[in-house]
Amino acid sequence: MSKLSTPPTNSPVVLKLQRPVIARIATITEWPMLLIDLEEGRIIGDDEIKQKLAAGKTVYGAMVQFPDPDLVEMLGYGGFDWILVDAEHGSINENDCAAIVRACELADTTSIVRPPMNHPEVIMRFMDRGAQGVQVPHVNTAAEARAAVAAVKYAPLGTRGMTSAARSAALPLGTQ
């Protein structure tokens, strides 16, 4: 399915990102790990948004503040490049986030989660739901920014722990 190359008409939810936001999203959504399909020899989840931003193209997305995976899936099929799952201001919790991330995956749309607070243990729990990136709230110092980045990266680049029991592991049952 092709993504939007120009803004659709009569659609008030389309967001054209301005330069500062593009730089911020491109910085914060660094992938903590790379998954490779050994049979096909391809990268799984190759970040289309980063490629578009690097090419100077505009990416389109929407913010959701209430837990409705069906709506998120429709937005993805409608051509949005990313969905910002706002768990800070809306009524979305960690379990809701997992369902919304699955809807994003079905529609080939990047999921970016805004956790309710800037605490590494909270950020990690949302990342474990399979989110592809985070937009961390209340980052006021360089130390807070470094801690937020460390929370989404696995060792030795960060402090995030590994688990096989979370969606982010992307491992089928029985895999060691």
C-alpha atoms as a PDB file:
ATOM      1  CA  MET A   1       0.000   0.000   0.000  1.00  0.00           C
ATOM      2  CA  SER A   2       1.390   3.394  -0.884  1.00  0.00           C
ATOM      3  CA  LYS A   3       1.562   6.116   1.708  1.00  0.00           C
ATOM      4  CA  LEU A   4       0.460   9.705   1.215  1.00  0.00           C
ATOM      5  CA  SER A   5       2.732  11.848  -0.900  1.00  0.00           C
ATOM      6  CA  THR A   6       0.539  14.944  -0.713  1.00  0.00           C
ATOM      7  CA  PRO A   7      -1.948  15.975   1.963  1.00  0.00           C
ATOM      8  CA  PRO A   8      -5.448  14.613   1.351  1.00  0.00           C
ATOM      9  CA  THR A   9      -8.173  17.191   0.866  1.00  0.00           C
ATOM     10  CA  ASN A  10     -10.976  17.770   3.368  1.00  0.00           C
ATOM     11  CA  SER A  11      -9.144  15.945   6.149  1.00  0.00           C
ATOM     12  CA  PRO A  12      -8.560  18.063   9.276  1.00  0.00           C
ATOM     13  CA  VAL A  13      -6.614  15.335  11.108  1.00  0.00           C
ATOM     14  CA  VAL A  14      -3.629  15.387   8.736  1.00  0.00           C
ATOM     15  CA  LEU A  15      -0.585  16.921  10.389  1.00  0.00           C
ATOM     16  CA  LYS A  16       2.170  18.384   8.256  1.00  0.00           C
ATOM     17  CA  LEU A  17       5.207  18.276  10.479  1.00  0.00           C
ATOM     18  CA  GLN A  18       7.250  21.415  10.804  1.00  0.00           C
ATOM     19  CA  ARG A  19      11.064  21.284  10.806  1.00  0.00           C
ATOM     20  CA  PRO A  20      11.685  21.188  14.602  1.00  0.00           C
ATOM     21  CA  VAL A  21       9.217  18.335  15.051  1.00  0.00           C
ATOM     22  CA  ILE A  22      10.735  16.351  12.188  1.00  0.00           C
ATOM     23  CA  ALA A  23      14.188  16.614  13.754  1.00  0.00           C
ATOM     24  CA  ARG A  24      12.834  15.628  17.162  1.00  0.00           C
ATOM     25  CA  ILE A  25      10.952  12.583  15.901  1.00  0.00           C
ATOM     26  CA  ALA A  26      13.881  11.467  13.774  1.00  0.00           C
ATOM     27  CA  THR A  27      16.152  11.662  16.826  1.00  0.00           C
ATOM     28  CA  ILE A  28      13.890  10.060  19.401  1.00  0.00           C
ATOM     29  CA  THR A  29      12.586   7.192  17.291  1.00  0.00           C
ATOM     30  CA  GLU A  30      15.921   5.447  16.849  1.00  0.00           C
ATOM     31  CA  TRP A  31      15.385   1.697  16.658  1.00  0.00           C
ATOM     32  CA  PRO A  32      16.781  -0.111  19.698  1.00  0.00           C
ATOM     33  CA  MET A  33      17.433  -3.306  17.732  1.00  0.00           C
ATOM     34  CA  LEU A  34      17.338  -4.638  14.197  1.00  0.00           C
ATOM     35  CA  LEU A  35      15.396  -7.781  13.270  1.00  0.00           C
ATOM     36  CA  ILE A  36      16.445  -9.717  10.168  1.00  0.00           C
ATOM     37  CA  ASP A  37      14.378 -12.346   8.360  1.00  0.00           C
ATOM     38  CA  LEU A  38      17.044 -15.004   7.791  1.00  0.00           C
ATOM     39  CA  GLU A  39      15.001 -16.839   5.151  1.00  0.00           C
ATOM     40  CA  GLU A  40      14.415 -13.782   2.984  1.00  0.00           C
ATOM     41  CA  GLY A  41      17.568 -11.912   4.003  1.00  0.00           C
ATOM     42  CA  ARG A  42      15.690  -8.675   4.604  1.00  0.00           C
ATOM     43  CA  ILE A  43      15.362  -6.248   7.486  1.00  0.00           C
ATOM     44  CA  ILE A  44      12.036  -6.532   9.285  1.00  0.00           C
ATOM     45  CA  GLY A  45      10.497  -3.181  10.113  1.00  0.00           C
ATOM     46  CA  ASP A  46      12.841  -1.088   7.983  1.00  0.00           C
ATOM     47  CA  ASP A  47      12.041   2.460   9.037  1.00  0.00           C
ATOM     48  CA  GLU A  48      10.280   4.109   6.113  1.00  0.00           C
ATOM     49  CA  ILE A  49       9.808   7.328   8.073  1.00  0.00           C
ATOM     50  CA  LYS A  50      13.535   7.837   8.552  1.00  0.00           C
ATOM     51  CA  GLN A  51      14.106   7.211   4.855  1.00  0.00           C
ATOM     52  CA  LYS A  52      11.478   9.796   3.896  1.00  0.00           C
ATOM     53  CA  LEU A  53      12.844  12.376   6.342  1.00  0.00           C
ATOM     54  CA  ALA A  54      16.402  11.794   5.120  1.00  0.00           C
ATOM     55  CA  ALA A  55      15.158  12.368   1.559  1.00  0.00           C
ATOM     56  CA  GLY A  56      13.531  15.659   2.622  1.00  0.00           C
ATOM     57  CA  LYS A  57      10.004  14.329   2.222  1.00  0.00           C
ATOM     58  CA  THR A  58       7.070  15.110   4.498  1.00  0.00           C
ATOM     59  CA  VAL A  59       5.569  12.394   6.685  1.00  0.00           C
ATOM     60  CA  TYR A  60       1.958  12.427   7.865  1.00  0.00           C
ATOM     61  CA  GLY A  61       0.440  11.147  11.066  1.00  0.00           C
ATOM     62  CA  ALA A  62      -2.257  11.474  13.652  1.00  0.00           C
ATOM     63  CA  MET A  63      -2.405  11.523  17.433  1.00  0.00           C
ATOM     64  CA  VAL A  64      -4.855   9.258  19.263  1.00  0.00           C
ATOM     65  CA  GLN A  65      -5.785   9.810  22.903  1.00  0.00           C
ATOM     66  CA  PHE A  66      -8.397   7.107  23.428  1.00  0.00           C
ATOM     67  CA  PRO A  67      -8.031   3.338  23.031  1.00  0.00           C
ATOM     68  CA  ASP A  68      -9.578   2.450  19.672  1.00  0.00           C
ATOM     69  CA  PRO A  69      -7.449  -0.008  17.658  1.00  0.00           C
ATOM     70  CA  ASP A  70     -10.053  -0.098  14.873  1.00  0.00           C
ATOM     71  CA  LEU A  71      -9.703   3.653  14.320  1.00  0.00           C
ATOM     72  CA  VAL A  72      -5.919   3.376  14.359  1.00  0.00           C
ATOM     73  CA  GLU A  73      -6.021   0.593  11.792  1.00  0.00           C
ATOM     74  CA  MET A  74      -8.297   2.682   9.531  1.00  0.00           C
ATOM     75  CA  LEU A  75      -5.947   5.669   9.843  1.00  0.00           C
ATOM     76  CA  GLY A  76      -3.074   3.423   8.798  1.00  0.00           C
ATOM     77  CA  TYR A  77      -4.942   2.056   5.794  1.00  0.00           C
ATOM     78  CA  GLY A  78      -5.870   5.649   4.967  1.00  0.00           C
ATOM     79  CA  GLY A  79      -2.204   6.352   4.300  1.00  0.00           C
ATOM     80  CA  PHE A  80      -0.801   7.863   7.487  1.00  0.00           C
ATOM     81  CA  ASP A  81       2.902   7.196   8.015  1.00  0.00           C
ATOM     82  CA  TRP A  82       2.783   7.269  11.824  1.00  0.00           C
ATOM     83  CA  ILE A  83       0.379   7.230  14.744  1.00  0.00           C
ATOM     84  CA  LEU A  84       1.260   8.989  17.997  1.00  0.00           C
ATOM     85  CA  VAL A  85      -0.336   7.035  20.849  1.00  0.00           C
ATOM     86  CA  ASP A  86      -0.816   9.642  23.593  1.00  0.00           C
ATOM     87  CA  ALA A  87      -0.763   7.846  26.939  1.00  0.00           C
ATOM     88  CA  GLU A  88       0.123  11.072  28.737  1.00  0.00           C
ATOM     89  CA  HIS A  89      -3.022  13.104  28.041  1.00  0.00           C
ATOM     90  CA  GLY A  90      -5.490  10.425  26.962  1.00  0.00           C
ATOM     91  CA  SER A  91      -7.003   7.364  28.590  1.00  0.00           C
ATOM     92  CA  ILE A  92      -4.580   4.855  27.020  1.00  0.00           C
ATOM     93  CA  ASN A  93      -2.788   2.425  29.334  1.00  0.00           C
ATOM     94  CA  GLU A  94      -0.115  -0.204  28.632  1.00  0.00           C
ATOM     95  CA  ASN A  95      -2.604  -2.919  27.648  1.00  0.00           C
ATOM     96  CA  ASP A  96      -4.463  -0.544  25.325  1.00  0.00           C
ATOM     97  CA  CYS A  97      -1.124   0.402  23.818  1.00  0.00           C
ATOM     98  CA  ALA A  98      -0.389  -3.223  22.875  1.00  0.00           C
ATOM     99  CA  ALA A  99      -3.656  -3.478  20.921  1.00  0.00           C
ATOM    100  CA  ILE A 100      -3.046  -0.136  19.211  1.00  0.00           C
ATOM    101  CA  VAL A 101       0.495  -1.148  18.242  1.00  0.00           C
ATOM    102  CA  ARG A 102      -0.878  -4.364  16.692  1.00  0.00           C
ATOM    103  CA  ALA A 103      -3.333  -2.249  14.678  1.00  0.00           C
ATOM    104  CA  CYS A 104      -0.435  -0.095  13.465  1.00  0.00           C
ATOM    105  CA  GLU A 105       1.476  -3.211  12.429  1.00  0.00           C
ATOM    106  CA  LEU A 106      -1.519  -4.526  10.476  1.00  0.00           C
ATOM    107  CA  ALA A 107      -1.747  -1.266   8.544  1.00  0.00           C
ATOM    108  CA  ASP A 108       2.034  -0.908   8.052  1.00  0.00           C
ATOM    109  CA  THR A 109       2.103   2.316  10.076  1.00  0.00           C
ATOM    110  CA  THR A 110       4.818   3.362  12.535  1.00  0.00           C
ATOM    111  CA  SER A 111       3.704   3.457  16.166  1.00  0.00           C
ATOM    112  CA  ILE A 112       5.136   6.186  18.376  1.00  0.00           C
ATOM    113  CA  VAL A 113       4.040   6.216  22.017  1.00  0.00           C
ATOM    114  CA  ARG A 114       3.997   9.215  24.344  1.00  0.00           C
ATOM    115  CA  PRO A 115       4.278   7.633  27.807  1.00  0.00           C
ATOM    116  CA  PRO A 116       2.545   9.299  30.752  1.00  0.00           C
ATOM    117  CA  MET A 117       5.825  10.388  32.343  1.00  0.00           C
ATOM    118  CA  ASN A 118       9.561  10.601  31.794  1.00  0.00           C
ATOM    119  CA  HIS A 119      10.614   7.644  33.942  1.00  0.00           C
ATOM    120  CA  PRO A 120      12.780   4.917  32.400  1.00  0.00           C
ATOM    121  CA  GLU A 121      10.706   2.095  33.926  1.00  0.00           C
ATOM    122  CA  VAL A 122       7.519   3.546  32.399  1.00  0.00           C
ATOM    123  CA  ILE A 123       9.143   4.155  29.006  1.00  0.00           C
ATOM    124  CA  MET A 124      10.486   0.584  28.928  1.00  0.00           C
ATOM    125  CA  ARG A 125       7.065  -0.920  29.696  1.00  0.00           C
ATOM    126  CA  PHE A 126       5.510   0.937  26.749  1.00  0.00           C
ATOM    127  CA  MET A 127       8.379  -0.075  24.477  1.00  0.00           C
ATOM    128  CA  ASP A 128       7.839  -3.694  25.552  1.00  0.00           C
ATOM    129  CA  ARG A 129       4.331  -3.439  24.094  1.00  0.00           C
ATOM    130  CA  GLY A 130       5.976  -3.260  20.675  1.00  0.00           C
ATOM    131  CA  ALA A 131       6.050   0.483  20.032  1.00  0.00           C
ATOM    132  CA  GLN A 132       8.545   1.476  17.374  1.00  0.00           C
ATOM    133  CA  GLY A 133       9.432   4.748  19.051  1.00  0.00           C
ATOM    134  CA  VAL A 134       8.614   7.136  21.840  1.00  0.00           C
ATOM    135  CA  GLN A 135       7.987  10.837  22.225  1.00  0.00           C
ATOM    136  CA  VAL A 136       9.050  11.401  25.800  1.00  0.00           C
ATOM    137  CA  PRO A 137       7.277  14.172  27.752  1.00  0.00           C
ATOM    138  CA  HIS A 138       8.852  16.546  30.257  1.00  0.00           C
ATOM    139  CA  VAL A 139      12.455  16.351  29.068  1.00  0.00           C
ATOM    140  CA  ASN A 140      13.976  19.453  30.632  1.00  0.00           C
ATOM    141  CA  THR A 141      17.691  18.703  30.915  1.00  0.00           C
ATOM    142  CA  ALA A 142      20.403  16.940  28.951  1.00  0.00           C
ATOM    143  CA  ALA A 143      20.601  14.281  31.682  1.00  0.00           C
ATOM    144  CA  GLU A 144      16.863  13.579  31.358  1.00  0.00           C
ATOM    145  CA  ALA A 145      17.249  13.287  27.578  1.00  0.00           C
ATOM    146  CA  ARG A 146      20.147  10.832  27.956  1.00  0.00           C
ATOM    147  CA  ALA A 147      18.131   8.740  30.442  1.00  0.00           C
ATOM    148  CA  ALA A 148      15.155   8.632  28.052  1.00  0.00           C
ATOM    149  CA  VAL A 149      17.348   7.491  25.160  1.00  0.00           C
ATOM    150  CA  ALA A 150      19.009   4.877  27.385  1.00  0.00           C
ATOM    151  CA  ALA A 151      15.553   3.541  28.341  1.00  0.00           C
ATOM    152  CA  VAL A 152      14.774   2.561  24.735  1.00  0.00           C
ATOM    153  CA  LYS A 153      18.148   1.035  23.864  1.00  0.00           C
ATOM    154  CA  TYR A 154      19.443  -2.368  24.881  1.00  0.00           C
ATOM    155  CA  ALA A 155      22.855  -2.804  26.508  1.00  0.00           C
ATOM    156  CA  PRO A 156      25.553  -1.844  25.915  1.00  0.00           C
ATOM    157  CA  LEU A 157      24.024   1.316  24.374  1.00  0.00           C
ATOM    158  CA  GLY A 158      21.280   1.688  26.978  1.00  0.00           C
ATOM    159  CA  THR A 159      19.620   0.328  30.100  1.00  0.00           C
ATOM    160  CA  ARG A 160      16.629  -1.486  28.605  1.00  0.00           C
ATOM    161  CA  GLY A 161      16.333  -5.114  29.655  1.00  0.00           C
ATOM    162  CA  MET A 162      15.654  -8.061  27.363  1.00  0.00           C
ATOM    163  CA  THR A 163      12.646 -10.330  27.716  1.00  0.00           C
ATOM    164  CA  SER A 164      11.113 -13.031  25.579  1.00  0.00           C
ATOM    165  CA  ALA A 165       7.679 -12.511  27.132  1.00  0.00           C
ATOM    166  CA  ALA A 166       6.935  -9.149  25.519  1.00  0.00           C
ATOM    167  CA  ARG A 167       5.732  -8.186  22.053  1.00  0.00           C
ATOM    168  CA  SER A 168       8.946  -6.259  21.458  1.00  0.00           C
ATOM    169  CA  ALA A 169      10.891  -9.518  21.480  1.00  0.00           C
ATOM    170  CA  ALA A 170       9.143 -10.502  18.210  1.00  0.00           C
ATOM    171  CA  LEU A 171       9.993 -14.124  18.836  1.00  0.00           C
ATOM    172  CA  PRO A 172       7.666 -17.036  18.068  1.00  0.00           C
ATOM    173  CA  LEU A 173       6.881 -19.466  20.884  1.00  0.00           C
ATOM    174  CA  GLY A 174       9.606 -22.038  21.422  1.00  0.00           C
ATOM    175  CA  THR A 175      12.445 -19.829  20.129  1.00  0.00           C
ATOM    176  CA  GLN A 176      15.438 -19.649  22.414  1.00  0.00           C
END
